[in-house]
């Protein structure tokens, strides 16, 4: 981090980072940690600042937060934390990022790192649905989206709203688990890293959150409120989704005209949360079951990664994730 990037005065620096992956329970973990009196969590869960790939303009437009442009702006997120509190952030793409590990180590060498890993096929299925939902991925069909990966590596067929950068929809890059962990393990001691398996988290939320609390050095007996966060959904209509996104962002003459009329009609009579609920009811539905043949193909494709991860972590994920029988 060069001299220009240093804070102008001593500032509170985050103590821990939940580095990902997305769709692996990071939001639910964050929501359960933020009620702890010994933990301060900023309103912006995912500032993305320490992943160079996600700096503006790559990280914009964003309706769910903002990406600080300077270190001073970033550190303002943690200023309200009390001296006795732990504070951190949970930018889920940090594990995928090739730069975040080094930036975190430079800013906070004593950082605690939490990563959550999920069976590759189910992970990519949920990730694709999420990308369609938040307007990163315009291709609703997962097989087609995966098939575009080679051309996207060449800079072709990139999504118009690729605010995670040109690599954001290269799905196989998210499943390079061992490579991703080694980037962090090269910079942080084993005592500073906690690697969770999504299955354990889903099986026993309470035990996993208590484990994270102990890892962060806070009281692990504080009452927990267990709830599902950021559930996977299916977009009903890509065309309608695009229109609503355009109206919400004011992108183009028609959406801007709609916004102008809406503001002129009268004052807001419903809350933002209620408006989001209504929008989601029309736009989103429960996901259909993934294509079994495609899931089998993905499992066969990523079997070497699962074997390597099992060896790396010293745990039999091959059996746990059903990779011992791919017939």
Protein backbone atom coordinates (compact mmCIF):
# COMPACT_ATOMS: atom_id res chain seq x y z
CA UNK A 1 0.00 0.00 0.00
CA UNK A 2 1.79 3.16 -1.15
CA UNK A 3 2.23 6.31 0.90
CA UNK A 4 -0.72 8.02 -0.74
CA UNK A 5 -2.94 5.16 0.38
CA UNK A 6 -2.02 5.49 4.06
CA UNK A 7 -4.63 6.98 6.41
CA UNK A 8 -4.09 10.64 7.24
CA UNK A 9 -4.21 9.92 10.99
CA UNK A 10 -4.31 6.83 13.25
CA UNK A 11 -7.58 5.05 12.56
CA UNK A 12 -9.39 1.92 13.65
CA UNK A 13 -8.38 -0.96 11.36
CA UNK A 14 -10.61 -4.04 10.94
CA UNK A 15 -9.69 -7.09 13.01
CA UNK A 16 -11.34 -9.82 10.94
CA UNK A 17 -12.45 -10.57 7.41
CA UNK A 18 -15.06 -13.06 6.21
CA UNK A 19 -13.57 -13.55 2.76
CA UNK A 20 -16.21 -15.71 1.09
CA UNK A 21 -17.38 -17.39 -0.95
CA UNK A 22 -20.74 -15.86 -1.98
CA UNK A 23 -23.76 -18.19 -1.65
CA UNK A 24 -21.95 -20.15 1.05
CA UNK A 25 -23.59 -18.65 4.13
CA UNK A 26 -21.45 -15.54 4.58
CA UNK A 27 -24.46 -13.23 4.88
CA UNK A 28 -26.18 -15.45 7.44
CA UNK A 29 -22.95 -15.72 9.44
CA UNK A 30 -22.56 -11.94 9.33
CA UNK A 31 -26.14 -11.40 10.45
CA UNK A 32 -25.63 -13.70 13.45
CA UNK A 33 -22.32 -12.12 14.43
CA UNK A 34 -23.55 -8.54 14.28
CA UNK A 35 -25.86 -8.95 17.26
CA UNK A 36 -22.91 -9.71 19.54
CA UNK A 37 -22.04 -6.85 21.95
CA UNK A 38 -18.31 -7.50 21.56
CA UNK A 39 -18.46 -7.20 17.74
CA UNK A 40 -19.04 -4.06 15.72
CA UNK A 41 -20.26 -4.60 12.15
CA UNK A 42 -20.49 -1.64 9.74
CA UNK A 43 -23.67 -1.11 7.76
CA UNK A 44 -21.76 -1.79 4.55
CA UNK A 45 -21.08 -5.52 4.86
CA UNK A 46 -19.19 -5.72 1.54
CA UNK A 47 -17.10 -2.61 0.84
CA UNK A 48 -14.92 -4.57 -1.65
CA UNK A 49 -12.12 -2.04 -1.10
CA UNK A 50 -9.27 -4.53 -0.67
CA UNK A 51 -9.94 -6.35 -3.94
CA UNK A 52 -8.35 -4.31 -6.72
CA UNK A 53 -10.56 -6.07 -9.29
CA UNK A 54 -13.66 -4.54 -7.69
CA UNK A 55 -12.71 -0.89 -7.47
CA UNK A 56 -14.84 1.64 -9.36
CA UNK A 57 -15.86 1.59 -12.11
CA UNK A 58 -15.82 -2.22 -11.92
CA UNK A 59 -17.84 -2.18 -8.70
CA UNK A 60 -20.52 0.25 -9.90
CA UNK A 61 -23.42 0.64 -10.25
CA UNK A 62 -24.30 -0.95 -6.90
CA UNK A 63 -27.66 -0.69 -5.21
CA UNK A 64 -26.52 -2.64 -2.14
CA UNK A 65 -23.59 -0.59 -0.89
CA UNK A 66 -20.69 1.55 -2.01
CA UNK A 67 -17.03 0.91 -2.70
CA UNK A 68 -14.71 3.40 -0.97
CA UNK A 69 -12.21 5.08 -3.25
CA UNK A 70 -9.54 5.82 -0.61
CA UNK A 71 -8.20 4.13 2.49
CA UNK A 72 -9.49 7.01 4.63
CA UNK A 73 -13.00 6.44 3.28
CA UNK A 74 -12.69 2.72 3.91
CA UNK A 75 -11.55 3.14 7.51
CA UNK A 76 -14.46 5.45 8.33
CA UNK A 77 -16.62 2.29 8.22
CA UNK A 78 -14.98 1.06 11.41
CA UNK A 79 -14.69 4.33 13.36
CA UNK A 80 -17.78 3.72 15.55
CA UNK A 81 -16.31 0.49 16.98
CA UNK A 82 -15.50 0.67 20.68
CA UNK A 83 -11.93 -0.11 21.77
CA UNK A 84 -13.00 -3.40 23.34
CA UNK A 85 -14.98 -4.53 20.28
CA UNK A 86 -13.81 -6.63 17.36
CA UNK A 87 -14.70 -5.19 14.00
CA UNK A 88 -14.49 -6.48 10.47
CA UNK A 89 -16.16 -6.86 7.12
CA UNK A 90 -17.45 -9.63 4.87
CA UNK A 91 -16.72 -8.96 1.19
CA UNK A 92 -17.53 -12.37 -0.22
CA UNK A 93 -15.40 -12.01 -3.40
CA UNK A 94 -12.17 -11.59 -1.39
CA UNK A 95 -11.46 -15.32 -1.61
CA UNK A 96 -11.89 -15.21 -5.39
CA UNK A 97 -9.82 -12.03 -5.73
CA UNK A 98 -6.15 -12.40 -6.66
CA UNK A 99 -5.23 -9.20 -4.80
CA UNK A 100 -7.31 -9.11 -1.60
CA UNK A 101 -5.12 -11.45 0.48
CA UNK A 102 -2.06 -9.27 -0.03
CA UNK A 103 -3.96 -6.05 0.59
CA UNK A 104 -5.47 -7.42 3.81
CA UNK A 105 -2.07 -8.60 5.07
CA UNK A 106 -0.54 -5.21 4.32
CA UNK A 107 -3.31 -3.35 6.14
CA UNK A 108 -3.76 -5.74 9.08
CA UNK A 109 -1.05 -8.41 9.50
CA UNK A 110 -2.83 -9.71 12.62
CA UNK A 111 -6.17 -10.18 10.82
CA UNK A 112 -8.37 -13.17 11.46
CA UNK A 113 -9.59 -14.76 8.22
CA UNK A 114 -12.81 -16.81 7.83
CA UNK A 115 -13.57 -18.72 4.61
CA UNK A 116 -16.56 -20.93 3.80
CA UNK A 117 -16.33 -23.59 1.06
CA UNK A 118 -19.21 -25.41 -0.62
CA UNK A 119 -19.54 -28.43 -2.91
CA UNK A 120 -18.62 -27.03 -6.35
CA UNK A 121 -21.66 -27.99 -8.46
CA UNK A 122 -24.27 -26.75 -5.98
CA UNK A 123 -22.14 -23.67 -5.31
CA UNK A 124 -22.00 -22.69 -8.98
CA UNK A 125 -25.71 -23.40 -9.42
CA UNK A 126 -26.54 -20.94 -6.61
CA UNK A 127 -23.90 -18.47 -7.75
CA UNK A 128 -25.32 -18.35 -11.27
CA UNK A 129 -28.83 -17.74 -9.94
CA UNK A 130 -27.46 -14.99 -7.69
CA UNK A 131 -25.64 -13.33 -10.58
CA UNK A 132 -28.83 -13.37 -12.65
CA UNK A 133 -30.76 -11.90 -9.71
CA UNK A 134 -28.35 -9.01 -9.09
CA UNK A 135 -27.95 -8.30 -12.79
CA UNK A 136 -24.35 -9.45 -13.24
CA UNK A 137 -25.28 -12.37 -15.51
CA UNK A 138 -27.75 -11.78 -18.38
CA UNK A 139 -27.82 -15.46 -19.41
CA UNK A 140 -30.52 -17.29 -17.45
CA UNK A 141 -29.55 -20.76 -18.69
CA UNK A 142 -26.67 -22.03 -16.58
CA UNK A 143 -25.25 -24.38 -19.21
CA UNK A 144 -25.12 -21.54 -21.72
CA UNK A 145 -23.52 -19.21 -19.19
CA UNK A 146 -20.83 -21.80 -18.45
CA UNK A 147 -20.22 -22.35 -22.16
CA UNK A 148 -19.50 -18.61 -22.58
CA UNK A 149 -16.51 -18.82 -20.26
CA UNK A 150 -13.88 -19.40 -22.96
CA UNK A 151 -15.05 -16.46 -25.09
CA UNK A 152 -15.33 -14.25 -21.99
CA UNK A 153 -11.69 -15.01 -21.18
CA UNK A 154 -10.90 -13.50 -24.56
CA UNK A 155 -12.91 -10.38 -23.75
CA UNK A 156 -15.94 -11.39 -25.81
CA UNK A 157 -19.61 -11.78 -24.75
CA UNK A 158 -18.95 -9.94 -21.50
CA UNK A 159 -22.08 -8.90 -19.60
CA UNK A 160 -23.00 -5.26 -20.03
CA UNK A 161 -23.27 -4.76 -16.27
CA UNK A 162 -20.14 -6.70 -15.26
CA UNK A 163 -19.52 -4.62 -12.16
CA UNK A 164 -17.37 -7.42 -10.71
CA UNK A 165 -14.99 -6.85 -13.59
CA UNK A 166 -14.39 -8.94 -16.73
CA UNK A 167 -13.45 -12.02 -14.66
CA UNK A 168 -16.61 -11.91 -12.59
CA UNK A 169 -18.55 -14.47 -14.66
CA UNK A 170 -15.70 -16.92 -15.20
CA UNK A 171 -17.40 -19.48 -13.01
CA UNK A 172 -14.62 -22.07 -12.82
CA UNK A 173 -12.32 -19.47 -11.22
CA UNK A 174 -14.46 -19.53 -8.08
CA UNK A 175 -13.77 -23.24 -7.56
CA UNK A 176 -9.98 -23.01 -7.39
CA UNK A 177 -10.24 -23.62 -3.67
CA UNK A 178 -6.71 -24.81 -2.92
CA UNK A 179 -5.11 -21.99 -4.91
CA UNK A 180 -7.32 -19.45 -3.12
CA UNK A 181 -6.54 -20.80 0.35
CA UNK A 182 -2.83 -20.90 -0.37
CA UNK A 183 -2.84 -17.19 -1.22
CA UNK A 184 -3.97 -16.52 2.35
CA UNK A 185 -1.93 -19.25 3.99
CA UNK A 186 1.22 -17.74 2.48
CA UNK A 187 0.54 -14.52 4.41
CA UNK A 188 -1.28 -15.59 7.57
CA UNK A 189 -0.44 -18.20 10.21
CA UNK A 190 -2.67 -21.26 10.70
CA UNK A 191 -3.93 -19.69 13.94
CA UNK A 192 -5.24 -16.72 11.95
CA UNK A 193 -7.33 -18.77 9.52
CA UNK A 194 -10.59 -20.62 9.95
CA UNK A 195 -11.86 -22.65 6.98
CA UNK A 196 -15.48 -23.74 7.34
CA UNK A 197 -17.39 -26.29 5.26
CA UNK A 198 -20.85 -25.18 4.19
CA UNK A 199 -22.40 -28.57 5.06
CA UNK A 200 -21.32 -28.25 8.70
CA UNK A 201 -22.75 -24.75 8.81
CA UNK A 202 -26.12 -25.85 7.39
CA UNK A 203 -26.26 -28.84 9.70
CA UNK A 204 -25.62 -26.88 12.89
CA UNK A 205 -25.72 -23.08 12.60
CA UNK A 206 -25.37 -22.62 16.33
CA UNK A 207 -22.21 -24.70 16.71
CA UNK A 208 -20.55 -23.08 13.68
CA UNK A 209 -21.27 -19.53 14.83
CA UNK A 210 -19.97 -20.39 18.32
CA UNK A 211 -16.81 -21.71 16.66
CA UNK A 212 -16.37 -18.44 14.79
CA UNK A 213 -16.96 -16.42 17.96
CA UNK A 214 -14.24 -18.36 19.78
CA UNK A 215 -11.94 -17.87 16.80
CA UNK A 216 -12.54 -14.11 16.98
CA UNK A 217 -11.88 -14.08 20.71
CA UNK A 218 -15.34 -13.05 21.89
CA UNK A 219 -17.79 -14.60 24.33
CA UNK A 220 -19.34 -17.67 22.67
CA UNK A 221 -22.26 -17.94 25.11
CA UNK A 222 -24.16 -14.87 23.89
CA UNK A 223 -27.69 -15.75 22.66
CA UNK A 224 -28.01 -16.26 18.90
CA UNK A 225 -30.85 -15.45 16.55
CA UNK A 226 -30.77 -18.10 13.84
CA UNK A 227 -32.27 -16.98 10.53
CA UNK A 228 -31.81 -17.56 6.80
CA UNK A 229 -30.24 -14.69 4.88
CA UNK A 230 -29.82 -14.04 1.17
CA UNK A 231 -31.80 -17.10 -0.03
CA UNK A 232 -31.27 -18.35 -3.56
CA UNK A 233 -34.07 -17.36 -5.93
CA UNK A 234 -34.96 -17.74 -9.61
CA UNK A 235 -35.70 -14.74 -11.85
CA UNK A 236 -39.14 -15.25 -13.41
CA UNK A 237 -38.60 -13.04 -16.48
CA UNK A 238 -35.28 -11.65 -17.64
CA UNK A 239 -37.06 -8.99 -19.68
CA UNK A 240 -39.12 -7.78 -16.72
CA UNK A 241 -36.09 -7.99 -14.48
CA UNK A 242 -34.13 -5.80 -16.91
CA UNK A 243 -36.94 -3.25 -17.06
CA UNK A 244 -37.24 -3.03 -13.28
CA UNK A 245 -33.47 -2.74 -12.94
CA UNK A 246 -33.46 0.08 -15.48
CA UNK A 247 -36.24 1.95 -13.72
CA UNK A 248 -34.55 1.53 -10.34
CA UNK A 249 -31.20 2.77 -11.60
CA UNK A 250 -32.59 5.51 -13.87
CA UNK A 251 -30.62 4.08 -16.78
CA UNK A 252 -31.88 5.55 -20.04
CA UNK A 253 -34.59 8.04 -21.06
CA UNK A 254 -37.59 5.77 -20.44
CA UNK A 255 -36.59 4.73 -16.90
CA UNK A 256 -35.78 8.33 -16.03
CA UNK A 257 -39.17 9.41 -17.33
CA UNK A 258 -40.88 6.71 -15.23
CA UNK A 259 -39.01 7.86 -12.14
CA UNK A 260 -39.98 11.47 -12.79
CA UNK A 261 -43.67 10.58 -13.11
CA UNK A 262 -43.55 8.38 -10.00
CA UNK A 263 -42.06 11.20 -7.95
CA UNK A 264 -44.66 13.66 -9.25
CA UNK A 265 -47.64 11.41 -8.44
CA UNK A 266 -47.29 11.76 -4.71
CA UNK A 267 -45.25 11.09 -1.60
CA UNK A 268 -43.88 7.68 -0.69
CA UNK A 269 -46.63 5.77 1.07
CA UNK A 270 -44.85 2.46 1.66
CA UNK A 271 -41.53 1.64 3.23
CA UNK A 272 -38.47 0.65 1.20
CA UNK A 273 -38.64 -2.84 2.74
CA UNK A 274 -42.27 -3.20 1.67
CA UNK A 275 -41.47 -2.00 -1.83
CA UNK A 276 -38.66 -4.57 -2.08
CA UNK A 277 -41.01 -7.31 -0.87
CA UNK A 278 -43.56 -6.41 -3.56
CA UNK A 279 -40.88 -6.28 -6.24
CA UNK A 280 -39.43 -9.64 -5.21
CA UNK A 281 -42.86 -11.29 -5.24
CA UNK A 282 -43.32 -10.42 -8.89
CA UNK A 283 -39.74 -10.88 -10.07
CA UNK A 284 -38.49 -13.91 -8.18
CA UNK A 285 -39.62 -17.48 -7.56
CA UNK A 286 -38.35 -20.57 -5.79
CA UNK A 287 -35.56 -22.09 -7.90
CA UNK A 288 -36.32 -25.14 -9.98
CA UNK A 289 -34.23 -28.24 -9.40
CA UNK A 290 -30.88 -28.04 -11.20
CA UNK A 291 -30.34 -30.12 -14.31
CA UNK A 292 -29.09 -33.48 -13.03
CA UNK A 293 -26.94 -34.16 -16.07
CA UNK A 294 -25.27 -30.76 -15.85
CA UNK A 295 -24.63 -31.25 -12.13
CA UNK A 296 -23.01 -34.62 -12.85
CA UNK A 297 -20.85 -33.06 -15.56
CA UNK A 298 -19.72 -30.35 -13.15
CA UNK A 299 -18.91 -32.87 -10.45
CA UNK A 300 -16.77 -34.86 -12.84
CA UNK A 301 -15.09 -31.66 -14.00
CA UNK A 302 -14.23 -30.53 -10.48
CA UNK A 303 -13.42 -33.92 -8.97
CA UNK A 304 -9.64 -33.22 -9.05
CA UNK A 305 -10.20 -29.99 -7.12
CA UNK A 306 -12.25 -31.79 -4.46
CA UNK A 307 -9.57 -34.49 -4.11
CA UNK A 308 -6.86 -31.83 -3.80
CA UNK A 309 -8.90 -29.86 -1.26
CA UNK A 310 -9.49 -33.01 0.81
CA UNK A 311 -5.75 -33.58 0.96
CA UNK A 312 -5.05 -29.92 1.68
CA UNK A 313 -7.49 -29.73 4.61
CA UNK A 314 -6.95 -33.28 5.84
CA UNK A 315 -10.66 -34.05 5.57
CA UNK A 316 -12.57 -36.49 3.37
CA UNK A 317 -14.68 -34.12 1.30
CA UNK A 318 -14.79 -36.64 -1.53
CA UNK A 319 -17.20 -38.79 0.46
CA UNK A 320 -19.00 -35.91 2.18
CA UNK A 321 -19.78 -34.25 -1.17
CA UNK A 322 -20.61 -37.50 -2.99
CA UNK A 323 -17.59 -37.50 -5.30
CA UNK A 324 -16.82 -41.13 -4.47
CA UNK A 325 -19.54 -42.25 -6.90
CA UNK A 326 -19.89 -40.22 -10.09
CA UNK A 327 -21.29 -42.98 -12.27
